[in-house]
Protein backbone atom coordinates (compact mmCIF):
# COMPACT_ATOMS: atom_id res chain seq x y z
CA UNK A 1 109.07 79.29 100.49
CA UNK A 2 105.35 79.42 100.80
CA UNK A 3 103.52 82.55 99.77
CA UNK A 4 103.46 84.63 103.57
CA UNK A 5 106.44 82.36 105.05
CA UNK A 6 108.96 83.92 106.77
CA UNK A 7 112.16 83.39 106.25
CA UNK A 8 115.05 84.72 107.45
CA UNK A 9 118.15 85.96 105.26
CA UNK A 10 121.26 86.54 106.42
CA UNK A 11 124.54 87.23 104.90
CA UNK A 12 127.74 86.41 107.04
CA UNK A 13 129.88 88.93 104.95
CA UNK A 14 127.66 91.98 105.42
CA UNK A 15 126.92 90.67 108.73
CA UNK A 16 123.52 91.65 107.99
CA UNK A 17 120.09 89.37 108.51
CA UNK A 18 116.28 90.39 107.35
CA UNK A 19 113.09 88.43 107.79
CA UNK A 20 111.63 88.04 104.54
CA UNK A 21 108.22 87.38 103.03
CA UNK A 22 107.58 85.90 99.33
CA UNK A 23 104.03 87.43 98.58
CA UNK A 24 100.73 86.20 96.51
CA UNK A 25 101.89 87.74 93.17
CA UNK A 26 105.67 86.11 93.97
CA UNK A 27 106.75 89.03 94.75
CA UNK A 28 109.79 89.55 98.39
CA UNK A 29 108.68 92.26 100.71
CA UNK A 30 111.64 92.44 103.47
CA UNK A 31 111.04 93.54 107.35
CA UNK A 32 110.61 97.11 107.88
CA UNK A 33 112.99 96.88 111.02
CA UNK A 34 115.27 94.75 109.95
CA UNK A 35 116.23 96.76 106.85
CA UNK A 36 116.50 99.95 108.97
CA UNK A 37 118.61 97.98 111.36
CA UNK A 38 120.81 97.05 108.27
CA UNK A 39 121.23 100.76 106.97
CA UNK A 40 122.16 101.93 110.63
CA UNK A 41 118.85 104.11 111.01
CA UNK A 42 118.79 103.61 114.04
CA UNK A 43 119.91 105.05 118.19
CA UNK A 44 121.09 103.89 121.07
CA UNK A 45 119.50 104.60 124.37
CA UNK A 46 120.08 103.19 127.59
CA UNK A 47 121.34 100.29 126.24
CA UNK A 48 118.55 99.29 123.98
CA UNK A 49 118.17 100.15 119.92
CA UNK A 50 115.76 102.24 118.74
CA UNK A 51 115.01 102.42 114.99
CA UNK A 52 114.89 106.18 113.31
CA UNK A 53 111.23 105.64 112.08
CA UNK A 54 111.01 108.80 110.67
CA UNK A 55 114.19 108.78 108.99
CA UNK A 56 112.87 105.04 107.01
CA UNK A 57 109.71 106.76 106.38
CA UNK A 58 111.42 109.45 104.37
CA UNK A 59 113.31 107.47 102.32
CA UNK A 60 110.01 105.72 101.44
CA UNK A 61 108.42 108.42 101.11
CA UNK A 62 111.53 109.68 98.74
CA UNK A 63 110.78 106.53 96.30
CA UNK A 64 107.06 107.11 96.38
CA UNK A 65 106.41 104.56 98.83
CA UNK A 66 103.25 106.21 100.32
CA UNK A 67 102.33 103.69 103.98
CA UNK A 68 104.18 104.82 106.50
CA UNK A 69 105.83 101.59 108.29
CA UNK A 70 107.04 100.82 111.54
CA UNK A 71 107.23 97.32 113.49
CA UNK A 72 106.16 93.99 111.68
CA UNK A 73 105.72 96.05 108.75
CA UNK A 74 107.09 95.29 105.08
CA UNK A 75 108.62 96.89 102.31
CA UNK A 76 109.13 96.31 98.77
CA UNK A 77 112.03 94.28 98.37
CA UNK A 78 112.67 96.98 95.10
CA UNK A 79 112.55 99.63 97.33
CA UNK A 80 115.42 98.48 99.89
CA UNK A 81 117.34 98.13 96.70
CA UNK A 82 117.24 101.17 95.89
């Protein structure tokens, strides 16, 4: 994977996939929307799935990740595993 290239990670056993990105410093970031969906922090309304961003941002804040995230943002891989 080249730096800043988006690559899809999939785990068929868990039924989970997420967009990932290799950062300039060699660390990996995971798409915040994909992570929230994987954790089940969503709600269904009128046949559409919406991410519960307030829950996602509360989780991030609990672990000291201060910027709020939303659609098209990425979080550090280490935060995802906490």
